[in-house]
Amino acid sequence: MPYFVYLIVSKLKNKKKYSYVGYTRDLKKRLNLHNSGKGAKFTRGKKWKLVYYEQYDSKSDAMKNEYELKKDYKLRKRLIKE
């Protein structure tokens, strides 16, 4: 079963955008968890939209690329604008 690295975005009333990067085996379930307040602590209380994901065959590859995407704010901004 594949792993996914994903980028989700939330827009608040003040028009500020927040992004979050994670990895999972089930994208739909994970997004539902974030939107229901049961995801990561940072994501609670916000409505999230999936804007980008990549598929990997191994957990270690997914974790490595999740870490790289979390650090690369310029890439995250580019992915959000697309």
N, C-alpha and C. Protein backbone atom coordinates (compact mmCIF):
# COMPACT_ATOMS: atom_id res chain seq x y z
N MET A 1 0.85 -1.19 0.00
CA MET A 1 0.00 0.00 0.00
C MET A 1 0.89 1.24 0.00
N PRO A 2 0.57 2.23 -0.85
CA PRO A 2 1.43 3.41 -0.97
C PRO A 2 1.27 4.39 0.19
N TYR A 3 2.26 5.25 0.31
CA TYR A 3 2.23 6.36 1.26
C TYR A 3 2.11 7.66 0.47
N PHE A 4 1.52 8.67 1.08
CA PHE A 4 1.35 9.95 0.43
C PHE A 4 1.92 11.06 1.31
N VAL A 5 2.58 12.02 0.67
CA VAL A 5 2.96 13.26 1.32
C VAL A 5 1.97 14.29 0.79
N TYR A 6 1.39 15.08 1.70
CA TYR A 6 0.34 16.00 1.27
C TYR A 6 0.57 17.40 1.84
N LEU A 7 -0.03 18.36 1.16
CA LEU A 7 -0.01 19.75 1.58
C LEU A 7 -1.46 20.22 1.61
N ILE A 8 -1.88 20.72 2.78
CA ILE A 8 -3.23 21.25 2.92
C ILE A 8 -3.15 22.73 3.29
N VAL A 9 -4.19 23.48 2.93
CA VAL A 9 -4.21 24.92 3.15
C VAL A 9 -5.53 25.31 3.79
N SER A 10 -5.46 26.30 4.67
CA SER A 10 -6.65 26.86 5.31
C SER A 10 -6.57 28.37 5.22
N LYS A 11 -7.70 28.99 4.89
CA LYS A 11 -7.77 30.45 4.84
C LYS A 11 -8.66 30.91 5.97
N LEU A 12 -8.16 31.83 6.78
CA LEU A 12 -8.95 32.36 7.88
C LEU A 12 -9.66 33.65 7.45
N LYS A 13 -10.51 34.16 8.30
CA LYS A 13 -11.29 35.36 7.98
C LYS A 13 -10.41 36.55 7.65
N ASN A 14 -9.24 36.62 8.24
CA ASN A 14 -8.33 37.74 7.97
C ASN A 14 -7.55 37.54 6.67
N LYS A 15 -7.98 36.56 5.86
CA LYS A 15 -7.39 36.25 4.54
C LYS A 15 -6.00 35.65 4.61
N LYS A 16 -5.49 35.41 5.81
CA LYS A 16 -4.17 34.79 5.95
C LYS A 16 -4.28 33.30 5.65
N LYS A 17 -3.32 32.78 4.90
CA LYS A 17 -3.30 31.36 4.56
C LYS A 17 -2.34 30.62 5.47
N TYR A 18 -2.77 29.47 5.94
CA TYR A 18 -1.93 28.57 6.72
C TYR A 18 -1.77 27.28 5.94
N SER A 19 -0.58 26.71 5.99
CA SER A 19 -0.37 25.43 5.30
C SER A 19 0.17 24.41 6.29
N TYR A 20 -0.08 23.15 5.96
CA TYR A 20 0.37 22.04 6.80
C TYR A 20 0.81 20.91 5.88
N VAL A 21 1.92 20.29 6.22
CA VAL A 21 2.46 19.16 5.45
C VAL A 21 2.47 17.92 6.34
N GLY A 22 2.08 16.79 5.77
CA GLY A 22 2.09 15.54 6.51
C GLY A 22 2.23 14.36 5.58
N TYR A 23 2.24 13.15 6.15
CA TYR A 23 2.24 11.95 5.32
C TYR A 23 1.21 10.97 5.89
N THR A 24 0.69 10.14 5.02
CA THR A 24 -0.36 9.20 5.41
C THR A 24 -0.47 8.07 4.40
N ARG A 25 -1.24 7.07 4.75
CA ARG A 25 -1.56 6.00 3.81
C ARG A 25 -2.92 6.24 3.17
N ASP A 26 -3.80 7.00 3.83
CA ASP A 26 -5.16 7.22 3.34
C ASP A 26 -5.46 8.72 3.35
N LEU A 27 -5.35 9.35 2.18
CA LEU A 27 -5.52 10.80 2.07
C LEU A 27 -6.92 11.26 2.50
N LYS A 28 -7.93 10.60 2.01
CA LYS A 28 -9.30 11.02 2.30
C LYS A 28 -9.59 10.97 3.80
N LYS A 29 -9.20 9.87 4.44
CA LYS A 29 -9.42 9.71 5.88
C LYS A 29 -8.65 10.76 6.67
N ARG A 30 -7.40 11.01 6.26
CA ARG A 30 -6.56 11.97 6.98
C ARG A 30 -7.11 13.39 6.87
N LEU A 31 -7.57 13.78 5.68
CA LEU A 31 -8.16 15.11 5.51
C LEU A 31 -9.42 15.25 6.36
N ASN A 32 -10.23 14.19 6.41
CA ASN A 32 -11.43 14.22 7.25
C ASN A 32 -11.06 14.38 8.73
N LEU A 33 -9.98 13.74 9.16
CA LEU A 33 -9.53 13.89 10.55
C LEU A 33 -9.12 15.33 10.83
N HIS A 34 -8.38 15.93 9.91
CA HIS A 34 -7.96 17.32 10.10
C HIS A 34 -9.18 18.24 10.19
N ASN A 35 -10.15 18.03 9.32
CA ASN A 35 -11.32 18.90 9.29
C ASN A 35 -12.30 18.64 10.43
N SER A 36 -12.22 17.49 11.07
CA SER A 36 -13.12 17.20 12.19
C SER A 36 -12.49 17.54 13.54
N GLY A 37 -11.27 18.08 13.53
CA GLY A 37 -10.62 18.48 14.77
C GLY A 37 -9.86 17.37 15.45
N LYS A 38 -9.68 16.25 14.76
CA LYS A 38 -8.98 15.11 15.35
C LYS A 38 -7.61 14.86 14.72
N GLY A 39 -7.18 15.79 13.90
CA GLY A 39 -5.87 15.66 13.27
C GLY A 39 -4.79 16.24 14.18
N ALA A 40 -3.72 16.69 13.58
CA ALA A 40 -2.62 17.30 14.34
C ALA A 40 -3.13 18.52 15.09
N LYS A 41 -2.52 18.82 16.21
CA LYS A 41 -2.97 19.92 17.06
C LYS A 41 -3.02 21.25 16.30
N PHE A 42 -2.05 21.52 15.46
CA PHE A 42 -1.99 22.77 14.68
C PHE A 42 -3.20 22.92 13.77
N THR A 43 -3.77 21.82 13.30
CA THR A 43 -4.83 21.89 12.30
C THR A 43 -6.23 22.00 12.90
N ARG A 44 -6.35 21.89 14.20
CA ARG A 44 -7.68 21.90 14.83
C ARG A 44 -8.34 23.27 14.72
N GLY A 45 -9.65 23.24 14.45
CA GLY A 45 -10.44 24.46 14.40
C GLY A 45 -10.39 25.19 13.09
N LYS A 46 -9.77 24.62 12.08
CA LYS A 46 -9.69 25.25 10.77
C LYS A 46 -10.26 24.30 9.72
N LYS A 47 -10.74 24.85 8.60
CA LYS A 47 -11.19 24.04 7.47
C LYS A 47 -10.04 23.93 6.48
N TRP A 48 -9.70 22.71 6.12
CA TRP A 48 -8.54 22.46 5.28
C TRP A 48 -8.94 21.97 3.90
N LYS A 49 -8.11 22.34 2.93
CA LYS A 49 -8.31 21.91 1.54
C LYS A 49 -7.01 21.30 1.04
N LEU A 50 -7.11 20.13 0.44
CA LEU A 50 -5.94 19.46 -0.12
C LEU A 50 -5.53 20.18 -1.40
N VAL A 51 -4.27 20.63 -1.47
CA VAL A 51 -3.79 21.35 -2.66
C VAL A 51 -2.69 20.60 -3.41
N TYR A 52 -2.06 19.62 -2.74
CA TYR A 52 -0.95 18.92 -3.39
C TYR A 52 -0.69 17.61 -2.66
N TYR A 53 -0.33 16.58 -3.44
CA TYR A 53 0.13 15.33 -2.83
C TYR A 53 1.04 14.58 -3.79
N GLU A 54 1.88 13.73 -3.23
CA GLU A 54 2.78 12.86 -3.98
C GLU A 54 2.68 11.46 -3.40
N GLN A 55 2.85 10.47 -4.23
CA GLN A 55 2.74 9.07 -3.81
C GLN A 55 4.14 8.43 -3.74
N TYR A 56 4.36 7.62 -2.71
CA TYR A 56 5.64 6.92 -2.52
C TYR A 56 5.38 5.46 -2.19
N ASP A 57 6.34 4.62 -2.55
CA ASP A 57 6.21 3.19 -2.29
C ASP A 57 6.62 2.81 -0.88
N SER A 58 7.49 3.59 -0.26
CA SER A 58 7.96 3.23 1.08
C SER A 58 7.71 4.36 2.07
N LYS A 59 7.54 3.98 3.31
CA LYS A 59 7.32 4.94 4.38
C LYS A 59 8.53 5.84 4.55
N SER A 60 9.72 5.28 4.46
CA SER A 60 10.94 6.08 4.66
C SER A 60 11.07 7.16 3.58
N ASP A 61 10.75 6.83 2.32
CA ASP A 61 10.80 7.84 1.26
C ASP A 61 9.78 8.95 1.52
N ALA A 62 8.59 8.57 1.95
CA ALA A 62 7.55 9.55 2.24
C ALA A 62 7.99 10.47 3.38
N MET A 63 8.56 9.89 4.42
CA MET A 63 9.00 10.69 5.57
C MET A 63 10.12 11.65 5.20
N LYS A 64 11.05 11.20 4.37
CA LYS A 64 12.15 12.06 3.93
C LYS A 64 11.61 13.25 3.14
N ASN A 65 10.70 12.96 2.22
CA ASN A 65 10.17 14.03 1.38
C ASN A 65 9.21 14.94 2.14
N GLU A 66 8.51 14.42 3.12
CA GLU A 66 7.68 15.26 3.99
C GLU A 66 8.58 16.26 4.71
N TYR A 67 9.68 15.80 5.26
CA TYR A 67 10.61 16.65 5.98
C TYR A 67 11.15 17.76 5.07
N GLU A 68 11.52 17.40 3.84
CA GLU A 68 12.05 18.38 2.89
C GLU A 68 10.99 19.43 2.53
N LEU A 69 9.76 18.99 2.30
CA LEU A 69 8.69 19.93 1.95
C LEU A 69 8.36 20.84 3.14
N LYS A 70 8.41 20.31 4.34
CA LYS A 70 8.15 21.13 5.53
C LYS A 70 9.18 22.26 5.65
N LYS A 71 10.42 22.00 5.29
CA LYS A 71 11.48 23.00 5.40
C LYS A 71 11.48 24.01 4.26
N ASP A 72 10.97 23.63 3.10
CA ASP A 72 11.06 24.45 1.88
C ASP A 72 9.83 25.35 1.73
N TYR A 73 9.84 26.50 2.38
CA TYR A 73 8.69 27.40 2.36
C TYR A 73 8.44 28.00 0.98
N LYS A 74 9.50 28.22 0.21
CA LYS A 74 9.32 28.76 -1.14
C LYS A 74 8.56 27.78 -2.02
N LEU A 75 8.91 26.51 -1.94
CA LEU A 75 8.20 25.49 -2.72
C LEU A 75 6.75 25.40 -2.27
N ARG A 76 6.51 25.45 -0.97
CA ARG A 76 5.14 25.39 -0.45
C ARG A 76 4.30 26.54 -1.00
N LYS A 77 4.87 27.75 -1.02
CA LYS A 77 4.14 28.89 -1.57
C LYS A 77 3.83 28.70 -3.05
N ARG A 78 4.79 28.17 -3.80
CA ARG A 78 4.56 27.91 -5.22
C ARG A 78 3.46 26.89 -5.42
N LEU A 79 3.47 25.83 -4.62
CA LEU A 79 2.44 24.78 -4.75
C LEU A 79 1.06 25.30 -4.38
N ILE A 80 0.98 26.21 -3.45
CA ILE A 80 -0.30 26.77 -3.04
C ILE A 80 -0.88 27.64 -4.14
N LYS A 81 -0.03 28.36 -4.85
CA LYS A 81 -0.50 29.26 -5.92
C LYS A 81 -0.96 28.52 -7.16
N GLU A 82 -0.48 27.31 -7.38
CA GLU A 82 -0.84 26.55 -8.59
C GLU A 82 -2.27 26.11 -8.58
